[in-house]
Amino acid sequence: MRIAGYSFKRVKIGRNRLAVASLTFLLLISVLLIGCTELAKPTATAVVFDPTPAPPGTRELVLAGGSAADIAALAQPVELPEGNASNGEQLHTTLGCAACHSIADDVIVGPGWKGLYTRAGERTEMEAEEYLIQSITKPSAFIAEGFTNVMPAFDYLSDQELADLVAFVQANN
């Protein structure tokens, strides 16, 4: 008997093929889903997220292109020996600081050193001495507003020379 162009025999065979195809498809999907599932394994110890805050000046140093060693040095406070202001004044001349920094408050290329020690202590959360050391050894770490970074890094100075320069800046407050 034919209904709408199909015989009952063909419909029966078609249903069996459809059922077999559906079961095969479901079986394949089940195998894929079961095979791709991962079971969570508990860790032996709990993971604790306890970030350490970055030292002041890190963001500015990173933006200025500082290296990982420069950033690590920010976290280490520098302990200097006692400085000698008259030796610092000589260094101001011999190192060429006088070409860009006056000992008065007028600007040549960089800021004048008169009152710099006080301004340095107010500029960041760092102590004035620490700020000056960073400004001398890594001048790109802190750039005063209105100035560009043209100062070379005096990172080769000894601790005594740094202490002498800081003492001179402090004496010239």
N, C-alpha and C. Protein backbone atom coordinates (compact mmCIF):
# COMPACT_ATOMS: atom_id res chain seq x y z
N MET A 1 0.83 -1.16 0.00
CA MET A 1 0.00 0.00 0.00
C MET A 1 0.89 1.24 0.00
N ARG A 2 0.49 2.22 -0.75
CA ARG A 2 1.30 3.41 -0.89
C ARG A 2 0.55 4.61 -0.32
N ILE A 3 1.25 5.35 0.55
CA ILE A 3 0.69 6.59 1.09
C ILE A 3 1.73 7.66 0.84
N ALA A 4 1.31 8.67 0.15
CA ALA A 4 2.19 9.81 -0.17
C ALA A 4 3.48 9.36 -0.81
N GLY A 5 3.43 8.34 -1.63
CA GLY A 5 4.60 7.89 -2.36
C GLY A 5 5.51 6.96 -1.60
N TYR A 6 5.20 6.60 -0.38
CA TYR A 6 6.05 5.69 0.39
C TYR A 6 5.26 4.44 0.71
N SER A 7 5.96 3.33 0.73
CA SER A 7 5.29 2.11 1.16
C SER A 7 5.56 1.92 2.63
N PHE A 8 4.69 1.11 3.28
CA PHE A 8 4.89 0.83 4.70
C PHE A 8 6.21 0.14 4.92
N LYS A 9 6.63 -0.68 4.00
CA LYS A 9 7.87 -1.40 4.12
C LYS A 9 9.06 -0.42 4.17
N ARG A 10 9.05 0.57 3.30
CA ARG A 10 10.14 1.54 3.27
C ARG A 10 10.16 2.39 4.54
N VAL A 11 9.02 2.77 5.03
CA VAL A 11 8.96 3.56 6.24
C VAL A 11 9.53 2.77 7.40
N LYS A 12 9.24 1.51 7.46
CA LYS A 12 9.76 0.66 8.53
C LYS A 12 11.28 0.56 8.46
N ILE A 13 11.81 0.38 7.27
CA ILE A 13 13.25 0.29 7.10
C ILE A 13 13.88 1.65 7.42
N GLY A 14 13.27 2.73 6.99
CA GLY A 14 13.77 4.08 7.26
C GLY A 14 13.82 4.38 8.74
N ARG A 15 12.81 3.95 9.48
CA ARG A 15 12.80 4.16 10.93
C ARG A 15 13.93 3.40 11.60
N ASN A 16 14.20 2.19 11.17
CA ASN A 16 15.29 1.41 11.74
C ASN A 16 16.63 2.07 11.49
N ARG A 17 16.83 2.60 10.29
CA ARG A 17 18.09 3.27 9.97
C ARG A 17 18.25 4.54 10.81
N LEU A 18 17.15 5.27 10.95
CA LEU A 18 17.19 6.47 11.75
C LEU A 18 17.50 6.15 13.21
N ALA A 19 16.90 5.10 13.72
CA ALA A 19 17.15 4.71 15.11
C ALA A 19 18.60 4.28 15.30
N VAL A 20 19.15 3.52 14.37
CA VAL A 20 20.54 3.06 14.46
C VAL A 20 21.48 4.27 14.36
N ALA A 21 21.20 5.18 13.45
CA ALA A 21 22.04 6.36 13.29
C ALA A 21 21.99 7.23 14.55
N SER A 22 20.81 7.39 15.12
CA SER A 22 20.66 8.19 16.34
C SER A 22 21.41 7.57 17.49
N LEU A 23 21.28 6.25 17.66
CA LEU A 23 21.99 5.57 18.74
C LEU A 23 23.51 5.65 18.55
N THR A 24 23.97 5.50 17.32
CA THR A 24 25.40 5.60 17.03
C THR A 24 25.90 7.00 17.36
N PHE A 25 25.13 8.02 16.96
CA PHE A 25 25.52 9.40 17.25
C PHE A 25 25.56 9.64 18.75
N LEU A 26 24.57 9.21 19.48
CA LEU A 26 24.55 9.38 20.93
C LEU A 26 25.71 8.65 21.61
N LEU A 27 26.01 7.46 21.11
CA LEU A 27 27.12 6.68 21.66
C LEU A 27 28.45 7.42 21.43
N LEU A 28 28.66 7.98 20.24
CA LEU A 28 29.88 8.73 19.96
C LEU A 28 29.99 9.98 20.84
N ILE A 29 28.92 10.72 20.97
CA ILE A 29 28.93 11.91 21.82
C ILE A 29 29.22 11.53 23.26
N SER A 30 28.63 10.46 23.75
CA SER A 30 28.85 10.01 25.12
C SER A 30 30.32 9.65 25.35
N VAL A 31 30.91 8.93 24.41
CA VAL A 31 32.31 8.55 24.53
C VAL A 31 33.20 9.79 24.53
N LEU A 32 32.91 10.74 23.66
CA LEU A 32 33.71 11.96 23.62
C LEU A 32 33.58 12.77 24.92
N LEU A 33 32.37 12.91 25.40
CA LEU A 33 32.16 13.68 26.63
C LEU A 33 32.81 13.01 27.84
N ILE A 34 32.69 11.73 27.94
CA ILE A 34 33.28 11.01 29.08
C ILE A 34 34.81 11.02 28.97
N GLY A 35 35.33 10.86 27.75
CA GLY A 35 36.77 10.82 27.56
C GLY A 35 37.44 12.17 27.76
N CYS A 36 36.73 13.25 27.55
CA CYS A 36 37.33 14.58 27.63
C CYS A 36 37.12 15.25 28.99
N THR A 37 36.45 14.59 29.87
CA THR A 37 36.21 15.21 31.18
C THR A 37 37.38 14.93 32.10
N GLU A 38 37.79 15.97 32.83
CA GLU A 38 38.85 15.81 33.81
C GLU A 38 38.23 15.85 35.19
N LEU A 39 38.71 14.99 36.02
CA LEU A 39 38.25 15.01 37.39
C LEU A 39 39.21 15.85 38.20
N ALA A 40 38.68 16.75 38.99
CA ALA A 40 39.52 17.61 39.82
C ALA A 40 40.17 16.78 40.92
N LYS A 41 41.47 16.92 41.02
CA LYS A 41 42.19 16.24 42.09
C LYS A 41 42.55 17.28 43.14
N PRO A 42 42.22 17.05 44.38
CA PRO A 42 42.54 18.04 45.40
C PRO A 42 44.04 18.15 45.59
N THR A 43 44.51 19.39 45.83
CA THR A 43 45.94 19.60 46.06
C THR A 43 46.27 19.26 47.50
N ALA A 44 47.54 18.98 47.72
CA ALA A 44 47.97 18.61 49.06
C ALA A 44 47.89 19.80 50.01
N THR A 45 48.21 20.99 49.51
CA THR A 45 48.15 22.19 50.35
C THR A 45 47.28 23.23 49.66
N ALA A 46 46.63 24.03 50.43
CA ALA A 46 45.80 25.08 49.87
C ALA A 46 46.68 26.19 49.32
N VAL A 47 46.29 26.76 48.20
CA VAL A 47 47.02 27.86 47.59
C VAL A 47 46.54 29.16 48.22
N VAL A 48 47.49 29.94 48.73
CA VAL A 48 47.16 31.19 49.39
C VAL A 48 47.67 32.34 48.52
N PHE A 49 46.81 33.27 48.22
CA PHE A 49 47.20 34.45 47.45
C PHE A 49 47.50 35.58 48.42
N ASP A 50 48.76 35.91 48.55
CA ASP A 50 49.17 36.95 49.48
C ASP A 50 50.18 37.85 48.75
N PRO A 51 49.69 38.82 47.95
CA PRO A 51 50.61 39.63 47.17
C PRO A 51 51.42 40.59 48.03
N THR A 52 52.63 40.84 47.59
CA THR A 52 53.50 41.80 48.25
C THR A 52 53.41 43.11 47.49
N PRO A 53 53.13 44.21 48.16
CA PRO A 53 53.02 45.47 47.42
C PRO A 53 54.37 45.88 46.83
N ALA A 54 54.31 46.47 45.66
CA ALA A 54 55.54 46.93 45.00
C ALA A 54 56.07 48.16 45.73
N PRO A 55 57.40 48.30 45.77
CA PRO A 55 57.96 49.48 46.42
C PRO A 55 57.59 50.74 45.65
N PRO A 56 57.56 51.88 46.33
CA PRO A 56 57.24 53.14 45.67
C PRO A 56 58.19 53.40 44.50
N GLY A 57 57.66 53.91 43.42
CA GLY A 57 58.48 54.21 42.25
C GLY A 57 58.54 53.10 41.23
N THR A 58 57.99 51.93 41.54
CA THR A 58 58.06 50.80 40.62
C THR A 58 57.32 51.11 39.32
N ARG A 59 56.12 51.66 39.44
CA ARG A 59 55.32 51.93 38.25
C ARG A 59 56.07 52.90 37.32
N GLU A 60 56.61 53.96 37.87
CA GLU A 60 57.33 54.94 37.06
C GLU A 60 58.54 54.30 36.41
N LEU A 61 59.24 53.43 37.14
CA LEU A 61 60.43 52.78 36.61
C LEU A 61 60.06 51.83 35.48
N VAL A 62 58.99 51.09 35.63
CA VAL A 62 58.54 50.17 34.58
C VAL A 62 58.14 50.96 33.34
N LEU A 63 57.39 52.04 33.53
CA LEU A 63 56.97 52.85 32.39
C LEU A 63 58.15 53.51 31.68
N ALA A 64 59.21 53.78 32.42
CA ALA A 64 60.40 54.39 31.84
C ALA A 64 61.31 53.34 31.20
N GLY A 65 60.94 52.06 31.28
CA GLY A 65 61.74 51.01 30.65
C GLY A 65 62.81 50.43 31.54
N GLY A 66 62.66 50.53 32.85
CA GLY A 66 63.64 49.98 33.78
C GLY A 66 63.71 48.46 33.70
N SER A 67 64.87 47.92 33.99
CA SER A 67 65.07 46.47 33.95
C SER A 67 64.59 45.84 35.25
N ALA A 68 64.55 44.51 35.27
CA ALA A 68 64.15 43.78 36.47
C ALA A 68 65.12 44.05 37.62
N ALA A 69 66.41 44.22 37.29
CA ALA A 69 67.41 44.52 38.33
C ALA A 69 67.15 45.90 38.94
N ASP A 70 66.75 46.87 38.10
CA ASP A 70 66.44 48.20 38.61
C ASP A 70 65.25 48.15 39.55
N ILE A 71 64.24 47.37 39.16
CA ILE A 71 63.03 47.25 39.98
C ILE A 71 63.36 46.56 41.30
N ALA A 72 64.19 45.51 41.24
CA ALA A 72 64.59 44.81 42.46
C ALA A 72 65.38 45.74 43.39
N ALA A 73 66.17 46.62 42.80
CA ALA A 73 66.97 47.55 43.61
C ALA A 73 66.09 48.55 44.35
N LEU A 74 64.90 48.83 43.81
CA LEU A 74 63.99 49.75 44.51
C LEU A 74 63.58 49.21 45.87
N ALA A 75 63.48 47.89 45.95
CA ALA A 75 63.02 47.28 47.19
C ALA A 75 64.11 47.25 48.26
N GLN A 76 65.35 47.43 47.85
CA GLN A 76 66.46 47.37 48.79
C GLN A 76 66.84 48.77 49.26
N PRO A 77 66.58 49.12 50.51
CA PRO A 77 67.02 50.44 50.98
C PRO A 77 68.55 50.48 51.06
N VAL A 78 69.09 51.59 50.65
CA VAL A 78 70.54 51.75 50.63
C VAL A 78 70.99 52.40 51.93
N GLU A 79 71.94 51.78 52.60
CA GLU A 79 72.53 52.33 53.81
C GLU A 79 73.86 52.95 53.42
N LEU A 80 73.94 54.25 53.55
CA LEU A 80 75.17 54.95 53.16
C LEU A 80 75.99 55.31 54.39
N PRO A 81 77.30 55.43 54.19
CA PRO A 81 78.14 55.95 55.28
C PRO A 81 77.84 57.43 55.46
N GLU A 82 78.40 58.03 56.47
CA GLU A 82 78.19 59.46 56.69
C GLU A 82 78.85 60.25 55.57
N GLY A 83 78.10 61.20 55.02
CA GLY A 83 78.60 61.98 53.89
C GLY A 83 79.34 63.22 54.32
N ASN A 84 80.19 63.72 53.42
CA ASN A 84 80.96 64.93 53.63
C ASN A 84 80.51 65.95 52.59
N ALA A 85 79.88 67.04 53.02
CA ALA A 85 79.30 68.03 52.12
C ALA A 85 80.35 68.70 51.23
N SER A 86 81.56 68.94 51.76
CA SER A 86 82.58 69.60 50.92
C SER A 86 83.06 68.66 49.81
N ASN A 87 83.17 67.36 50.12
CA ASN A 87 83.49 66.39 49.06
C ASN A 87 82.35 66.34 48.04
N GLY A 88 81.11 66.44 48.51
CA GLY A 88 79.95 66.46 47.62
C GLY A 88 79.95 67.67 46.71
N GLU A 89 80.42 68.82 47.23
CA GLU A 89 80.51 70.02 46.40
C GLU A 89 81.55 69.83 45.29
N GLN A 90 82.67 69.18 45.63
CA GLN A 90 83.69 68.89 44.61
C GLN A 90 83.12 67.93 43.56
N LEU A 91 82.37 66.92 44.00
CA LEU A 91 81.76 65.97 43.05
C LEU A 91 80.76 66.69 42.15
N HIS A 92 80.04 67.65 42.70
CA HIS A 92 79.07 68.44 41.93
C HIS A 92 79.77 69.08 40.73
N THR A 93 81.00 69.47 40.92
CA THR A 93 81.76 70.10 39.83
C THR A 93 82.41 69.05 38.94
N THR A 94 83.14 68.10 39.53
CA THR A 94 83.91 67.14 38.73
C THR A 94 83.05 66.16 37.95
N LEU A 95 81.90 65.79 38.48
CA LEU A 95 81.03 64.85 37.76
C LEU A 95 80.20 65.55 36.67
N GLY A 96 80.21 66.88 36.68
CA GLY A 96 79.46 67.61 35.67
C GLY A 96 78.04 67.96 36.10
N CYS A 97 77.72 67.76 37.37
CA CYS A 97 76.37 68.08 37.86
C CYS A 97 76.08 69.57 37.67
N ALA A 98 77.12 70.41 37.81
CA ALA A 98 76.97 71.86 37.72
C ALA A 98 76.53 72.30 36.32
N ALA A 99 76.74 71.47 35.31
CA ALA A 99 76.33 71.84 33.96
C ALA A 99 74.81 71.89 33.83
N CYS A 100 74.11 71.12 34.65
CA CYS A 100 72.64 71.05 34.55
C CYS A 100 71.91 71.50 35.81
N HIS A 101 72.60 71.45 36.97
CA HIS A 101 71.98 71.78 38.26
C HIS A 101 72.75 72.90 38.95
N SER A 102 72.06 74.00 39.21
CA SER A 102 72.71 75.08 39.97
C SER A 102 72.59 74.76 41.45
N ILE A 103 73.44 75.41 42.25
CA ILE A 103 73.32 75.22 43.69
C ILE A 103 72.31 76.21 44.28
N ALA A 104 71.80 77.10 43.44
CA ALA A 104 70.72 78.00 43.85
C ALA A 104 69.39 77.33 43.47
N ASP A 105 68.31 78.10 43.45
CA ASP A 105 67.03 77.50 43.11
C ASP A 105 66.64 77.72 41.65
N ASP A 106 67.55 78.32 40.84
CA ASP A 106 67.22 78.53 39.44
C ASP A 106 67.45 77.26 38.62
N VAL A 107 66.73 77.15 37.52
CA VAL A 107 66.76 75.97 36.67
C VAL A 107 67.73 76.21 35.52
N ILE A 108 68.63 75.26 35.30
CA ILE A 108 69.49 75.29 34.11
C ILE A 108 68.89 74.30 33.11
N VAL A 109 69.15 73.03 33.29
CA VAL A 109 68.49 71.97 32.54
C VAL A 109 67.62 71.18 33.51
N GLY A 110 68.20 70.89 34.67
CA GLY A 110 67.47 70.20 35.73
C GLY A 110 67.16 71.17 36.86
N PRO A 111 66.44 70.70 37.85
CA PRO A 111 66.08 71.58 38.96
C PRO A 111 67.31 72.02 39.77
N GLY A 112 67.23 73.23 40.33
CA GLY A 112 68.29 73.71 41.20
C GLY A 112 68.31 72.93 42.51
N TRP A 113 69.47 72.91 43.15
CA TRP A 113 69.63 72.09 44.36
C TRP A 113 69.25 72.82 45.64
N LYS A 114 68.97 74.11 45.58
CA LYS A 114 68.58 74.84 46.79
C LYS A 114 67.18 74.35 47.20
N GLY A 115 67.07 73.85 48.41
CA GLY A 115 65.79 73.33 48.92
C GLY A 115 65.41 71.97 48.35
N LEU A 116 66.29 71.36 47.58
CA LEU A 116 65.97 70.07 46.95
C LEU A 116 65.76 68.97 47.97
N TYR A 117 66.52 68.99 49.05
CA TYR A 117 66.38 67.94 50.06
C TYR A 117 64.98 67.95 50.66
N THR A 118 64.45 69.12 50.93
CA THR A 118 63.10 69.24 51.49
C THR A 118 62.07 68.80 50.46
N ARG A 119 62.23 69.27 49.20
CA ARG A 119 61.28 68.88 48.14
C ARG A 119 61.33 67.38 47.90
N ALA A 120 62.52 66.80 47.99
CA ALA A 120 62.66 65.36 47.76
C ALA A 120 61.88 64.56 48.80
N GLY A 121 61.87 65.03 50.03
CA GLY A 121 61.15 64.33 51.09
C GLY A 121 59.65 64.45 50.94
N GLU A 122 59.19 65.46 50.22
CA GLU A 122 57.75 65.67 50.03
C GLU A 122 57.22 65.04 48.75
N ARG A 123 58.10 64.68 47.84
CA ARG A 123 57.69 64.23 46.52
C ARG A 123 57.09 62.83 46.52
N THR A 124 57.63 61.92 47.31
CA THR A 124 57.15 60.53 47.34
C THR A 124 57.04 60.07 48.79
N GLU A 125 56.69 58.82 48.94
CA GLU A 125 56.61 58.23 50.27
C GLU A 125 58.00 57.84 50.79
N MET A 126 59.00 57.95 49.95
CA MET A 126 60.37 57.59 50.34
C MET A 126 60.97 58.70 51.20
N GLU A 127 61.96 58.33 51.95
CA GLU A 127 62.75 59.32 52.69
C GLU A 127 63.52 60.17 51.67
N ALA A 128 63.85 61.40 52.04
CA ALA A 128 64.54 62.30 51.12
C ALA A 128 65.87 61.71 50.65
N GLU A 129 66.62 61.11 51.57
CA GLU A 129 67.92 60.54 51.20
C GLU A 129 67.75 59.43 50.18
N GLU A 130 66.76 58.56 50.42
CA GLU A 130 66.51 57.45 49.51
C GLU A 130 66.08 57.96 48.13
N TYR A 131 65.23 58.97 48.13
CA TYR A 131 64.77 59.57 46.88
C TYR A 131 65.95 60.15 46.09
N LEU A 132 66.85 60.85 46.77
CA LEU A 132 68.00 61.44 46.09
C LEU A 132 68.92 60.36 45.52
N ILE A 133 69.11 59.28 46.27
CA ILE A 133 69.95 58.18 45.79
C ILE A 133 69.35 57.59 44.52
N GLN A 134 68.04 57.36 44.54
CA GLN A 134 67.36 56.83 43.35
C GLN A 134 67.48 57.81 42.19
N SER A 135 67.34 59.10 42.47
CA SER A 135 67.41 60.11 41.42
C SER A 135 68.80 60.22 40.81
N ILE A 136 69.82 59.93 41.59
CA ILE A 136 71.19 59.99 41.09
C ILE A 136 71.55 58.71 40.32
N THR A 137 71.22 57.56 40.90
CA THR A 137 71.62 56.29 40.28
C THR A 137 70.67 55.81 39.20
N LYS A 138 69.41 56.15 39.31
CA LYS A 138 68.40 55.75 38.32
C LYS A 138 67.49 56.94 38.05
N PRO A 139 67.98 57.93 37.31
CA PRO A 139 67.22 59.18 37.15
C PRO A 139 65.89 59.01 36.44
N SER A 140 65.70 57.95 35.70
CA SER A 140 64.41 57.76 35.02
C SER A 140 63.32 57.27 35.98
N ALA A 141 63.70 56.89 37.20
CA ALA A 141 62.71 56.39 38.16
C ALA A 141 61.77 57.51 38.61
N PHE A 142 62.27 58.70 38.76
CA PHE A 142 61.47 59.86 39.19
C PHE A 142 61.86 61.05 38.32
N ILE A 143 60.90 61.59 37.64
CA ILE A 143 61.15 62.77 36.83
C ILE A 143 60.23 63.87 37.33
N ALA A 144 60.83 64.95 37.78
CA ALA A 144 60.05 66.07 38.31
C ALA A 144 59.19 66.67 37.20
N GLU A 145 58.01 67.11 37.57
CA GLU A 145 57.08 67.70 36.61
C GLU A 145 57.72 68.91 35.93
N GLY A 146 57.58 68.95 34.61
CA GLY A 146 58.14 70.05 33.85
C GLY A 146 59.53 69.78 33.31
N PHE A 147 60.10 68.62 33.63
CA PHE A 147 61.44 68.27 33.17
C PHE A 147 61.39 67.01 32.32
N THR A 148 62.40 66.82 31.49
CA THR A 148 62.53 65.59 30.71
C THR A 148 63.71 64.80 31.24
N ASN A 149 63.73 63.52 30.93
CA ASN A 149 64.79 62.65 31.44
C ASN A 149 66.01 62.72 30.51
N VAL A 150 66.93 63.61 30.81
CA VAL A 150 68.18 63.70 30.05
C VAL A 150 69.39 63.38 30.91
N MET A 151 69.15 63.15 32.19
CA MET A 151 70.25 62.89 33.12
C MET A 151 70.77 61.46 32.96
N PRO A 152 72.10 61.31 32.84
CA PRO A 152 72.65 59.95 32.79
C PRO A 152 72.59 59.30 34.18
N ALA A 153 72.62 58.00 34.19
CA ALA A 153 72.60 57.26 35.46
C ALA A 153 74.01 57.25 36.05
N PHE A 154 74.13 57.72 37.27
CA PHE A 154 75.41 57.69 37.98
C PHE A 154 75.42 56.47 38.91
N ASP A 155 75.11 55.30 38.33
CA ASP A 155 75.03 54.07 39.11
C ASP A 155 76.40 53.47 39.41
N TYR A 156 77.44 54.07 38.92
CA TYR A 156 78.79 53.57 39.16
C TYR A 156 79.45 54.25 40.37
N LEU A 157 78.78 55.23 40.97
CA LEU A 157 79.36 55.93 42.11
C LEU A 157 79.44 55.01 43.33
N SER A 158 80.46 55.22 44.11
CA SER A 158 80.61 54.43 45.34
C SER A 158 79.59 54.92 46.37
N ASP A 159 79.39 54.13 47.40
CA ASP A 159 78.48 54.53 48.47
C ASP A 159 78.94 55.83 49.12
N GLN A 160 80.25 55.99 49.27
CA GLN A 160 80.79 57.21 49.88
C GLN A 160 80.51 58.42 49.01
N GLU A 161 80.70 58.27 47.70
CA GLU A 161 80.43 59.40 46.78
C GLU A 161 78.95 59.77 46.81
N LEU A 162 78.08 58.77 46.84
CA LEU A 162 76.64 59.05 46.93
C LEU A 162 76.32 59.78 48.23
N ALA A 163 76.92 59.30 49.33
CA ALA A 163 76.68 59.94 50.63
C ALA A 163 77.17 61.38 50.63
N ASP A 164 78.30 61.63 49.97
CA ASP A 164 78.83 62.99 49.90
C ASP A 164 77.91 63.90 49.09
N LEU A 165 77.41 63.42 47.97
CA LEU A 165 76.49 64.23 47.16
C LEU A 165 75.20 64.53 47.93
N VAL A 166 74.65 63.53 48.60
CA VAL A 166 73.44 63.73 49.38
C VAL A 166 73.69 64.72 50.51
N ALA A 167 74.86 64.63 51.14
CA ALA A 167 75.20 65.56 52.23
C ALA A 167 75.31 66.99 51.70
N PHE A 168 75.85 67.13 50.49
CA PHE A 168 75.95 68.46 49.89
C PHE A 168 74.56 69.02 49.58
N VAL A 169 73.69 68.19 49.02
CA VAL A 169 72.33 68.63 48.72
C VAL A 169 71.63 69.03 50.02
N GLN A 170 71.80 68.22 51.06
CA GLN A 170 71.16 68.50 52.35
C GLN A 170 71.70 69.80 52.97
N ALA A 171 73.01 70.01 52.87
CA ALA A 171 73.62 71.22 53.41
C ALA A 171 73.18 72.46 52.62
N ASN A 172 72.80 72.27 51.38
CA ASN A 172 72.40 73.37 50.52
C ASN A 172 70.89 73.60 50.59
N ASN A 173 70.27 73.08 51.60
CA ASN A 173 68.82 73.19 51.74
C ASN A 173 68.51 74.59 52.07
